[in-house]
């Protein structure tokens, strides 16, 4: 999926999330699948679940990590694409 920097995401009602020891564990109650995010993925999850747009989330992550912007954008986009593909996040539709 091509990401728009002002894109926002929501967590579907069938997804449960729990932080355990600095990592986030997700469960899709529809198919009973579990997913685990490492500490960096967990921080991305937290920012997006706080309903920050993608650009704001990336800006905050750039302040937290010593990484170049292009690499961070690629990594965040890849994770978001995977979360959306697995049904763990949905893209919030913009109203015009």
PDB file of N, CA and C in Angstrom:
ATOM      1  N   UNK A   1       0.860  -1.175   0.000  1.00  0.00           N
ATOM      2  CA  UNK A   1       0.000   0.000   0.000  1.00  0.00           C
ATOM      3  C   UNK A   1       0.898   1.227   0.000  1.00  0.00           C
ATOM      4  N   UNK A   2       0.552   2.205  -0.773  1.00  0.00           N
ATOM      5  CA  UNK A   2       1.276   3.468  -0.777  1.00  0.00           C
ATOM      6  C   UNK A   2       0.768   4.301   0.387  1.00  0.00           C
ATOM      7  N   UNK A   3       1.692   4.746   1.227  1.00  0.00           N
ATOM      8  CA  UNK A   3       1.316   5.456   2.444  1.00  0.00           C
ATOM      9  C   UNK A   3       1.276   6.961   2.206  1.00  0.00           C
ATOM     10  N   UNK A   4       0.218   7.601   2.623  1.00  0.00           N
ATOM     11  CA  UNK A   4       0.095   9.047   2.627  1.00  0.00           C
ATOM     12  C   UNK A   4       0.559   9.513   3.999  1.00  0.00           C
ATOM     13  N   UNK A   5       1.399  10.553   4.039  1.00  0.00           N
ATOM     14  CA  UNK A   5       1.996  10.954   5.316  1.00  0.00           C
ATOM     15  C   UNK A   5       0.979  11.462   6.332  1.00  0.00           C
ATOM     16  N   UNK A   6      -0.198  11.888   5.887  1.00  0.00           N
ATOM     17  CA  UNK A   6      -1.219  12.359   6.833  1.00  0.00           C
ATOM     18  C   UNK A   6      -2.205  11.242   7.192  1.00  0.00           C
ATOM     19  N   UNK A   7      -1.921  10.040   6.723  1.00  0.00           N
ATOM     20  CA  UNK A   7      -2.780   8.892   6.962  1.00  0.00           C
ATOM     21  C   UNK A   7      -2.842   8.564   8.452  1.00  0.00           C
ATOM     22  N   UNK A   8      -4.029   8.256   8.932  1.00  0.00           N
ATOM     23  CA  UNK A   8      -4.207   7.822  10.312  1.00  0.00           C
ATOM     24  C   UNK A   8      -4.755   6.407  10.304  1.00  0.00           C
ATOM     25  N   UNK A   9      -4.568   5.734  11.414  1.00  0.00           N
ATOM     26  CA  UNK A   9      -4.949   4.333  11.518  1.00  0.00           C
ATOM     27  C   UNK A   9      -5.816   4.122  12.746  1.00  0.00           C
ATOM     28  N   UNK A  10      -6.631   3.088  12.688  1.00  0.00           N
ATOM     29  CA  UNK A  10      -7.427   2.697  13.844  1.00  0.00           C
ATOM     30  C   UNK A  10      -7.197   1.210  14.095  1.00  0.00           C
ATOM     31  N   UNK A  11      -7.414   0.828  15.331  1.00  0.00           N
ATOM     32  CA  UNK A  11      -7.300  -0.579  15.707  1.00  0.00           C
ATOM     33  C   UNK A  11      -8.699  -1.172  15.627  1.00  0.00           C
ATOM     34  N   UNK A  12      -8.892  -2.200  14.794  1.00  0.00           N
ATOM     35  CA  UNK A  12     -10.221  -2.812  14.696  1.00  0.00           C
ATOM     36  C   UNK A  12     -10.674  -3.380  16.047  1.00  0.00           C
ATOM     37  N   UNK A  13     -11.962  -3.467  16.236  1.00  0.00           N
ATOM     38  CA  UNK A  13     -12.514  -3.918  17.514  1.00  0.00           C
ATOM     39  C   UNK A  13     -12.168  -5.375  17.826  1.00  0.00           C
ATOM     40  N   UNK A  14     -11.800  -6.158  16.816  1.00  0.00           N
ATOM     41  CA  UNK A  14     -11.469  -7.570  17.050  1.00  0.00           C
ATOM     42  C   UNK A  14      -9.984  -7.784  17.378  1.00  0.00           C
ATOM     43  N   UNK A  15      -9.241  -6.689  17.591  1.00  0.00           N
ATOM     44  CA  UNK A  15      -7.824  -6.775  17.933  1.00  0.00           C
ATOM     45  C   UNK A  15      -7.619  -6.351  19.384  1.00  0.00           C
ATOM     46  N   UNK A  16      -6.987  -7.214  20.153  1.00  0.00           N
ATOM     47  CA  UNK A  16      -6.619  -6.906  21.535  1.00  0.00           C
ATOM     48  C   UNK A  16      -5.119  -6.674  21.584  1.00  0.00           C
ATOM     49  N   UNK A  17      -4.692  -5.683  22.341  1.00  0.00           N
ATOM     50  CA  UNK A  17      -3.265  -5.382  22.473  1.00  0.00           C
ATOM     51  C   UNK A  17      -2.917  -5.289  23.950  1.00  0.00           C
ATOM     52  N   UNK A  18      -1.771  -5.853  24.312  1.00  0.00           N
ATOM     53  CA  UNK A  18      -1.303  -5.820  25.689  1.00  0.00           C
ATOM     54  C   UNK A  18       0.208  -5.632  25.695  1.00  0.00           C
ATOM     55  N   UNK A  19       0.668  -4.678  26.490  1.00  0.00           N
ATOM     56  CA  UNK A  19       2.111  -4.484  26.630  1.00  0.00           C
ATOM     57  C   UNK A  19       2.640  -5.423  27.697  1.00  0.00           C
ATOM     58  N   UNK A  20       3.699  -6.139  27.354  1.00  0.00           N
ATOM     59  CA  UNK A  20       4.344  -7.066  28.287  1.00  0.00           C
ATOM     60  C   UNK A  20       5.851  -6.863  28.193  1.00  0.00           C
ATOM     61  N   UNK A  21       6.459  -6.394  29.262  1.00  0.00           N
ATOM     62  CA  UNK A  21       7.918  -6.213  29.332  1.00  0.00           C
ATOM     63  C   UNK A  21       8.457  -5.367  28.179  1.00  0.00           C
ATOM     64  N   UNK A  22       7.766  -4.275  27.866  1.00  0.00           N
ATOM     65  CA  UNK A  22       8.244  -3.363  26.835  1.00  0.00           C
ATOM     66  C   UNK A  22       7.926  -3.765  25.416  1.00  0.00           C
ATOM     67  N   UNK A  23       7.236  -4.877  25.246  1.00  0.00           N
ATOM     68  CA  UNK A  23       6.819  -5.317  23.920  1.00  0.00           C
ATOM     69  C   UNK A  23       5.302  -5.427  23.894  1.00  0.00           C
ATOM     70  N   UNK A  24       4.743  -5.334  22.708  1.00  0.00           N
ATOM     71  CA  UNK A  24       3.292  -5.427  22.562  1.00  0.00           C
ATOM     72  C   UNK A  24       2.930  -6.772  21.942  1.00  0.00           C
ATOM     73  N   UNK A  25       1.964  -7.423  22.561  1.00  0.00           N
ATOM     74  CA  UNK A  25       1.407  -8.664  22.035  1.00  0.00           C
ATOM     75  C   UNK A  25       0.001  -8.338  21.543  1.00  0.00           C
ATOM     76  N   UNK A  26      -0.292  -8.762  20.323  1.00  0.00           N
ATOM     77  CA  UNK A  26      -1.585  -8.510  19.704  1.00  0.00           C
ATOM     78  C   UNK A  26      -2.312  -9.834  19.512  1.00  0.00           C
ATOM     79  N   UNK A  27      -3.622  -9.810  19.663  1.00  0.00           N
ATOM     80  CA  UNK A  27      -4.423 -10.995  19.382  1.00  0.00           C
ATOM     81  C   UNK A  27      -5.608 -10.600  18.529  1.00  0.00           C
ATOM     82  N   UNK A  28      -5.759 -11.328  17.448  1.00  0.00           N
ATOM     83  CA  UNK A  28      -6.923 -11.175  16.592  1.00  0.00           C
ATOM     84  C   UNK A  28      -7.952 -12.176  17.104  1.00  0.00           C
ATOM     85  N   UNK A  29      -9.005 -11.680  17.758  1.00  0.00           N
ATOM     86  CA  UNK A  29      -9.968 -12.606  18.359  1.00  0.00           C
ATOM     87  C   UNK A  29     -10.853 -13.296  17.315  1.00  0.00           C
ATOM     88  N   UNK A  30     -10.858 -12.775  16.082  1.00  0.00           N
ATOM     89  CA  UNK A  30     -11.626 -13.443  15.028  1.00  0.00           C
ATOM     90  C   UNK A  30     -10.970 -14.756  14.604  1.00  0.00           C
ATOM     91  N   UNK A  31      -9.638 -14.764  14.462  1.00  0.00           N
ATOM     92  CA  UNK A  31      -8.961 -15.984  14.027  1.00  0.00           C
ATOM     93  C   UNK A  31      -8.044 -16.585  15.096  1.00  0.00           C
ATOM     94  N   UNK A  32      -8.041 -15.977  16.295  1.00  0.00           N
ATOM     95  CA  UNK A  32      -7.267 -16.437  17.436  1.00  0.00           C
ATOM     96  C   UNK A  32      -5.767 -16.502  17.165  1.00  0.00           C
ATOM     97  N   UNK A  33      -5.275 -15.610  16.292  1.00  0.00           N
ATOM     98  CA  UNK A  33      -3.843 -15.528  15.997  1.00  0.00           C
ATOM     99  C   UNK A  33      -3.204 -14.497  16.909  1.00  0.00           C
ATOM    100  N   UNK A  34      -2.003 -14.832  17.394  1.00  0.00           N
ATOM    101  CA  UNK A  34      -1.214 -13.928  18.218  1.00  0.00           C
ATOM    102  C   UNK A  34      -0.077 -13.344  17.399  1.00  0.00           C
ATOM    103  N   UNK A  35       0.284 -12.114  17.697  1.00  0.00           N
ATOM    104  CA  UNK A  35       1.389 -11.424  17.040  1.00  0.00           C
ATOM    105  C   UNK A  35       2.193 -10.733  18.131  1.00  0.00           C
ATOM    106  N   UNK A  36       3.485 -10.632  17.933  1.00  0.00           N
ATOM    107  CA  UNK A  36       4.345  -9.972  18.902  1.00  0.00           C
ATOM    108  C   UNK A  36       5.180  -8.920  18.196  1.00  0.00           C
ATOM    109  N   UNK A  37       5.254  -7.742  18.795  1.00  0.00           N
ATOM    110  CA  UNK A  37       6.073  -6.659  18.253  1.00  0.00           C
ATOM    111  C   UNK A  37       7.256  -6.439  19.183  1.00  0.00           C
ATOM    112  N   UNK A  38       8.450  -6.286  18.612  1.00  0.00           N
ATOM    113  CA  UNK A  38       9.617  -5.991  19.444  1.00  0.00           C
ATOM    114  C   UNK A  38       9.493  -4.575  19.992  1.00  0.00           C
ATOM    115  N   UNK A  39      10.481  -4.128  20.736  1.00  0.00           N
ATOM    116  CA  UNK A  39      10.369  -2.835  21.415  1.00  0.00           C
ATOM    117  C   UNK A  39      10.204  -1.671  20.440  1.00  0.00           C
ATOM    118  N   UNK A  40      10.888  -1.712  19.304  1.00  0.00           N
ATOM    119  CA  UNK A  40      10.741  -0.629  18.317  1.00  0.00           C
ATOM    120  C   UNK A  40       9.372  -0.706  17.661  1.00  0.00           C
ATOM    121  N   UNK A  41       8.961  -1.892  17.246  1.00  0.00           N
ATOM    122  CA  UNK A  41       7.633  -2.072  16.675  1.00  0.00           C
ATOM    123  C   UNK A  41       6.546  -1.660  17.651  1.00  0.00           C
ATOM    124  N   UNK A  42       6.784  -1.936  18.936  1.00  0.00           N
ATOM    125  CA  UNK A  42       5.823  -1.557  19.976  1.00  0.00           C
ATOM    126  C   UNK A  42       5.695  -0.046  20.084  1.00  0.00           C
ATOM    127  N   UNK A  43       6.808   0.669  19.935  1.00  0.00           N
ATOM    128  CA  UNK A  43       6.743   2.130  19.981  1.00  0.00           C
ATOM    129  C   UNK A  43       5.985   2.679  18.771  1.00  0.00           C
ATOM    130  N   UNK A  44       6.189   2.082  17.619  1.00  0.00           N
ATOM    131  CA  UNK A  44       5.444   2.493  16.427  1.00  0.00           C
ATOM    132  C   UNK A  44       3.959   2.224  16.649  1.00  0.00           C
ATOM    133  N   UNK A  45       3.628   1.045  17.164  1.00  0.00           N
ATOM    134  CA  UNK A  45       2.231   0.685  17.457  1.00  0.00           C
ATOM    135  C   UNK A  45       1.596   1.706  18.393  1.00  0.00           C
ATOM    136  N   UNK A  46       2.316   2.055  19.447  1.00  0.00           N
ATOM    137  CA  UNK A  46       1.778   2.990  20.434  1.00  0.00           C
ATOM    138  C   UNK A  46       1.482   4.343  19.793  1.00  0.00           C
ATOM    139  N   UNK A  47       2.407   4.845  18.985  1.00  0.00           N
ATOM    140  CA  UNK A  47       2.201   6.145  18.334  1.00  0.00           C
ATOM    141  C   UNK A  47       0.987   6.102  17.400  1.00  0.00           C
ATOM    142  N   UNK A  48       0.881   5.043  16.617  1.00  0.00           N
ATOM    143  CA  UNK A  48      -0.243   4.949  15.679  1.00  0.00           C
ATOM    144  C   UNK A  48      -1.558   4.691  16.413  1.00  0.00           C
ATOM    145  N   UNK A  49      -1.507   3.938  17.511  1.00  0.00           N
ATOM    146  CA  UNK A  49      -2.746   3.683  18.254  1.00  0.00           C
ATOM    147  C   UNK A  49      -3.197   4.912  19.035  1.00  0.00           C
ATOM    148  N   UNK A  50      -2.277   5.860  19.244  1.00  0.00           N
ATOM    149  CA  UNK A  50      -2.645   7.147  19.846  1.00  0.00           C
ATOM    150  C   UNK A  50      -3.259   8.080  18.806  1.00  0.00           C
ATOM    151  N   UNK A  51      -3.501   7.537  17.623  1.00  0.00           N
ATOM    152  CA  UNK A  51      -4.153   8.231  16.508  1.00  0.00           C
ATOM    153  C   UNK A  51      -3.305   9.367  15.942  1.00  0.00           C
ATOM    154  N   UNK A  52      -1.988   9.223  16.059  1.00  0.00           N
ATOM    155  CA  UNK A  52      -1.113  10.177  15.386  1.00  0.00           C
ATOM    156  C   UNK A  52      -1.087   9.840  13.905  1.00  0.00           C
ATOM    157  N   UNK A  53      -0.960  10.863  13.070  1.00  0.00           N
ATOM    158  CA  UNK A  53      -0.806  10.566  11.656  1.00  0.00           C
ATOM    159  C   UNK A  53       0.602  10.024  11.434  1.00  0.00           C
ATOM    160  N   UNK A  54       0.804   9.401  10.299  1.00  0.00           N
ATOM    161  CA  UNK A  54       2.060   8.729  10.001  1.00  0.00           C
ATOM    162  C   UNK A  54       3.246   9.687  10.068  1.00  0.00           C
ATOM    163  N   UNK A  55       3.097  10.879   9.551  1.00  0.00           N
ATOM    164  CA  UNK A  55       4.191  11.854   9.537  1.00  0.00           C
ATOM    165  C   UNK A  55       4.591  12.253  10.961  1.00  0.00           C
ATOM    166  N   UNK A  56       3.634  12.510  11.814  1.00  0.00           N
ATOM    167  CA  UNK A  56       3.924  12.883  13.203  1.00  0.00           C
ATOM    168  C   UNK A  56       4.605  11.727  13.929  1.00  0.00           C
ATOM    169  N   UNK A  57       4.148  10.514  13.693  1.00  0.00           N
ATOM    170  CA  UNK A  57       4.769   9.341  14.307  1.00  0.00           C
ATOM    171  C   UNK A  57       6.229   9.224  13.877  1.00  0.00           C
ATOM    172  N   UNK A  58       6.490   9.411  12.604  1.00  0.00           N
ATOM    173  CA  UNK A  58       7.862   9.330  12.095  1.00  0.00           C
ATOM    174  C   UNK A  58       8.722  10.423  12.710  1.00  0.00           C
ATOM    175  N   UNK A  59       8.197  11.633  12.816  1.00  0.00           N
ATOM    176  CA  UNK A  59       8.959  12.729  13.430  1.00  0.00           C
ATOM    177  C   UNK A  59       9.328  12.389  14.873  1.00  0.00           C
ATOM    178  N   UNK A  60       8.404  11.819  15.626  1.00  0.00           N
ATOM    179  CA  UNK A  60       8.690  11.461  17.016  1.00  0.00           C
ATOM    180  C   UNK A  60       9.737  10.348  17.094  1.00  0.00           C
ATOM    181  N   UNK A  61       9.643   9.378  16.188  1.00  0.00           N
ATOM    182  CA  UNK A  61      10.616   8.288  16.179  1.00  0.00           C
ATOM    183  C   UNK A  61      12.012   8.790  15.808  1.00  0.00           C
ATOM    184  N   UNK A  62      12.087   9.758  14.907  1.00  0.00           N
ATOM    185  CA  UNK A  62      13.389  10.326  14.532  1.00  0.00           C
ATOM    186  C   UNK A  62      14.066  10.982  15.731  1.00  0.00           C
ATOM    187  N   UNK A  63      13.277  11.542  16.638  1.00  0.00           N
ATOM    188  CA  UNK A  63      13.839  12.152  17.845  1.00  0.00           C
ATOM    189  C   UNK A  63      14.316  11.092  18.841  1.00  0.00           C
ATOM    190  N   UNK A  64      13.722   9.896  18.789  1.00  0.00           N
ATOM    191  CA  UNK A  64      14.056   8.843  19.760  1.00  0.00           C
ATOM    192  C   UNK A  64      15.247   7.988  19.335  1.00  0.00           C
ATOM    193  N   UNK A  65      15.419   7.819  18.026  1.00  0.00           N
ATOM    194  CA  UNK A  65      16.417   6.874  17.529  1.00  0.00           C
ATOM    195  C   UNK A  65      17.464   7.570  16.674  1.00  0.00           C
ATOM    196  N   UNK A  66      18.674   7.078  16.750  1.00  0.00           N
ATOM    197  CA  UNK A  66      19.769   7.582  15.937  1.00  0.00           C
ATOM    198  C   UNK A  66      19.778   6.791  14.628  1.00  0.00           C
ATOM    199  N   UNK A  67      18.938   7.222  13.695  1.00  0.00           N
ATOM    200  CA  UNK A  67      18.766   6.527  12.424  1.00  0.00           C
ATOM    201  C   UNK A  67      18.456   7.565  11.360  1.00  0.00           C
ATOM    202  N   UNK A  68      18.886   7.277  10.129  1.00  0.00           N
ATOM    203  CA  UNK A  68      18.582   8.250   9.080  1.00  0.00           C
ATOM    204  C   UNK A  68      17.104   8.156   8.694  1.00  0.00           C
ATOM    205  N   UNK A  69      16.589   9.281   8.238  1.00  0.00           N
ATOM    206  CA  UNK A  69      15.151   9.392   7.983  1.00  0.00           C
ATOM    207  C   UNK A  69      14.664   8.416   6.917  1.00  0.00           C
ATOM    208  N   UNK A  70      15.432   8.227   5.854  1.00  0.00           N
ATOM    209  CA  UNK A  70      14.996   7.338   4.769  1.00  0.00           C
ATOM    210  C   UNK A  70      14.838   5.901   5.268  1.00  0.00           C
ATOM    211  N   UNK A  71      15.792   5.438   6.066  1.00  0.00           N
ATOM    212  CA  UNK A  71      15.716   4.077   6.610  1.00  0.00           C
ATOM    213  C   UNK A  71      14.533   3.938   7.548  1.00  0.00           C
ATOM    214  N   UNK A  72      14.341   4.925   8.411  1.00  0.00           N
ATOM    215  CA  UNK A  72      13.211   4.884   9.341  1.00  0.00           C
ATOM    216  C   UNK A  72      11.887   4.861   8.583  1.00  0.00           C
ATOM    217  N   UNK A  73      11.743   5.729   7.594  1.00  0.00           N
ATOM    218  CA  UNK A  73      10.494   5.757   6.813  1.00  0.00           C
ATOM    219  C   UNK A  73      10.229   4.407   6.157  1.00  0.00           C
ATOM    220  N   UNK A  74      11.267   3.811   5.610  1.00  0.00           N
ATOM    221  CA  UNK A  74      11.107   2.510   4.955  1.00  0.00           C
ATOM    222  C   UNK A  74      10.680   1.445   5.968  1.00  0.00           C
ATOM    223  N   UNK A  75      11.334   1.430   7.136  1.00  0.00           N
ATOM    224  CA  UNK A  75      11.005   0.434   8.162  1.00  0.00           C
ATOM    225  C   UNK A  75       9.589   0.622   8.696  1.00  0.00           C
ATOM    226  N   UNK A  76       9.196   1.867   8.962  1.00  0.00           N
ATOM    227  CA  UNK A  76       7.853   2.142   9.477  1.00  0.00           C
ATOM    228  C   UNK A  76       6.805   1.758   8.436  1.00  0.00           C
ATOM    229  N   UNK A  77       7.039   2.137   7.192  1.00  0.00           N
ATOM    230  CA  UNK A  77       6.094   1.811   6.120  1.00  0.00           C
ATOM    231  C   UNK A  77       5.944   0.307   5.966  1.00  0.00           C
ATOM    232  N   UNK A  78       7.053  -0.411   6.051  1.00  0.00           N
ATOM    233  CA  UNK A  78       6.996  -1.869   5.932  1.00  0.00           C
ATOM    234  C   UNK A  78       6.181  -2.480   7.065  1.00  0.00           C
ATOM    235  N   UNK A  79       6.422  -2.031   8.303  1.00  0.00           N
ATOM    236  CA  UNK A  79       5.661  -2.557   9.439  1.00  0.00           C
ATOM    237  C   UNK A  79       4.177  -2.217   9.317  1.00  0.00           C
ATOM    238  N   UNK A  80       3.872  -0.982   8.965  1.00  0.00           N
ATOM    239  CA  UNK A  80       2.473  -0.568   8.827  1.00  0.00           C
ATOM    240  C   UNK A  80       1.789  -1.394   7.740  1.00  0.00           C
ATOM    241  N   UNK A  81       2.463  -1.604   6.615  1.00  0.00           N
ATOM    242  CA  UNK A  81       1.891  -2.430   5.550  1.00  0.00           C
ATOM    243  C   UNK A  81       1.573  -3.833   6.060  1.00  0.00           C
ATOM    244  N   UNK A  82       2.489  -4.409   6.853  1.00  0.00           N
ATOM    245  CA  UNK A  82       2.267  -5.753   7.395  1.00  0.00           C
ATOM    246  C   UNK A  82       1.106  -5.767   8.379  1.00  0.00           C
ATOM    247  N   UNK A  83       1.029  -4.756   9.235  1.00  0.00           N
ATOM    248  CA  UNK A  83      -0.071  -4.683  10.201  1.00  0.00           C
ATOM    249  C   UNK A  83      -1.421  -4.538   9.499  1.00  0.00           C
ATOM    250  N   UNK A  84      -1.470  -3.717   8.465  1.00  0.00           N
ATOM    251  CA  UNK A  84      -2.714  -3.541   7.706  1.00  0.00           C
ATOM    252  C   UNK A  84      -3.061  -4.839   6.973  1.00  0.00           C
ATOM    253  N   UNK A  85      -2.067  -5.475   6.354  1.00  0.00           N
ATOM    254  CA  UNK A  85      -2.307  -6.721   5.617  1.00  0.00           C
ATOM    255  C   UNK A  85      -2.832  -7.825   6.528  1.00  0.00           C
ATOM    256  N   UNK A  86      -2.378  -7.842   7.792  1.00  0.00           N
ATOM    257  CA  UNK A  86      -2.838  -8.854   8.746  1.00  0.00           C
ATOM    258  C   UNK A  86      -4.154  -8.466   9.427  1.00  0.00           C
ATOM    259  N   UNK A  87      -4.671  -7.275   9.106  1.00  0.00           N
ATOM    260  CA  UNK A  87      -5.931  -6.827   9.695  1.00  0.00           C
ATOM    261  C   UNK A  87      -5.783  -6.294  11.111  1.00  0.00           C
ATOM    262  N   UNK A  88      -4.549  -5.972  11.514  1.00  0.00           N
ATOM    263  CA  UNK A  88      -4.303  -5.487  12.869  1.00  0.00           C
ATOM    264  C   UNK A  88      -4.476  -3.979  12.981  1.00  0.00           C
ATOM    265  N   UNK A  89      -4.382  -3.288  11.868  1.00  0.00           N
ATOM    266  CA  UNK A  89      -4.649  -1.853  11.769  1.00  0.00           C
ATOM    267  C   UNK A  89      -5.514  -1.636  10.547  1.00  0.00           C
ATOM    268  N   UNK A  90      -6.351  -0.624  10.600  1.00  0.00           N
ATOM    269  CA  UNK A  90      -7.096  -0.235   9.414  1.00  0.00           C
ATOM    270  C   UNK A  90      -6.800   1.240   9.125  1.00  0.00           C
ATOM    271  N   UNK A  91      -6.819   1.559   7.848  1.00  0.00           N
ATOM    272  CA  UNK A  91      -6.584   2.939   7.438  1.00  0.00           C
ATOM    273  C   UNK A  91      -7.858   3.723   7.657  1.00  0.00           C
ATOM    274  N   UNK A  92      -7.741   4.826   8.351  1.00  0.00           N
ATOM    275  CA  UNK A  92      -8.894   5.690   8.596  1.00  0.00           C
ATOM    276  C   UNK A  92      -9.175   6.473   7.318  1.00  0.00           C
ATOM    277  N   UNK A  93     -10.385   6.406   6.864  1.00  0.00           N
ATOM    278  CA  UNK A  93     -10.760   7.118   5.654  1.00  0.00           C
ATOM    279  C   UNK A  93     -10.892   8.605   5.940  1.00  0.00           C
ATOM    280  N   UNK A  94     -10.277   9.413   5.083  1.00  0.00           N
ATOM    281  CA  UNK A  94     -10.398  10.853   5.228  1.00  0.00           C
ATOM    282  C   UNK A  94     -11.738  11.305   4.653  1.00  0.00           C
ATOM    283  N   UNK A  95     -12.388  12.231   5.339  1.00  0.00           N
ATOM    284  CA  UNK A  95     -13.630  12.777   4.833  1.00  0.00           C
ATOM    285  C   UNK A  95     -13.340  14.148   4.255  1.00  0.00           C
ATOM    286  N   UNK A  96     -13.893  14.395   3.097  1.00  0.00           N
ATOM    287  CA  UNK A  96     -13.637  15.669   2.408  1.00  0.00           C
ATOM    288  C   UNK A  96     -14.867  16.528   2.444  1.00  0.00           C
TER     289      UNK A  96
END
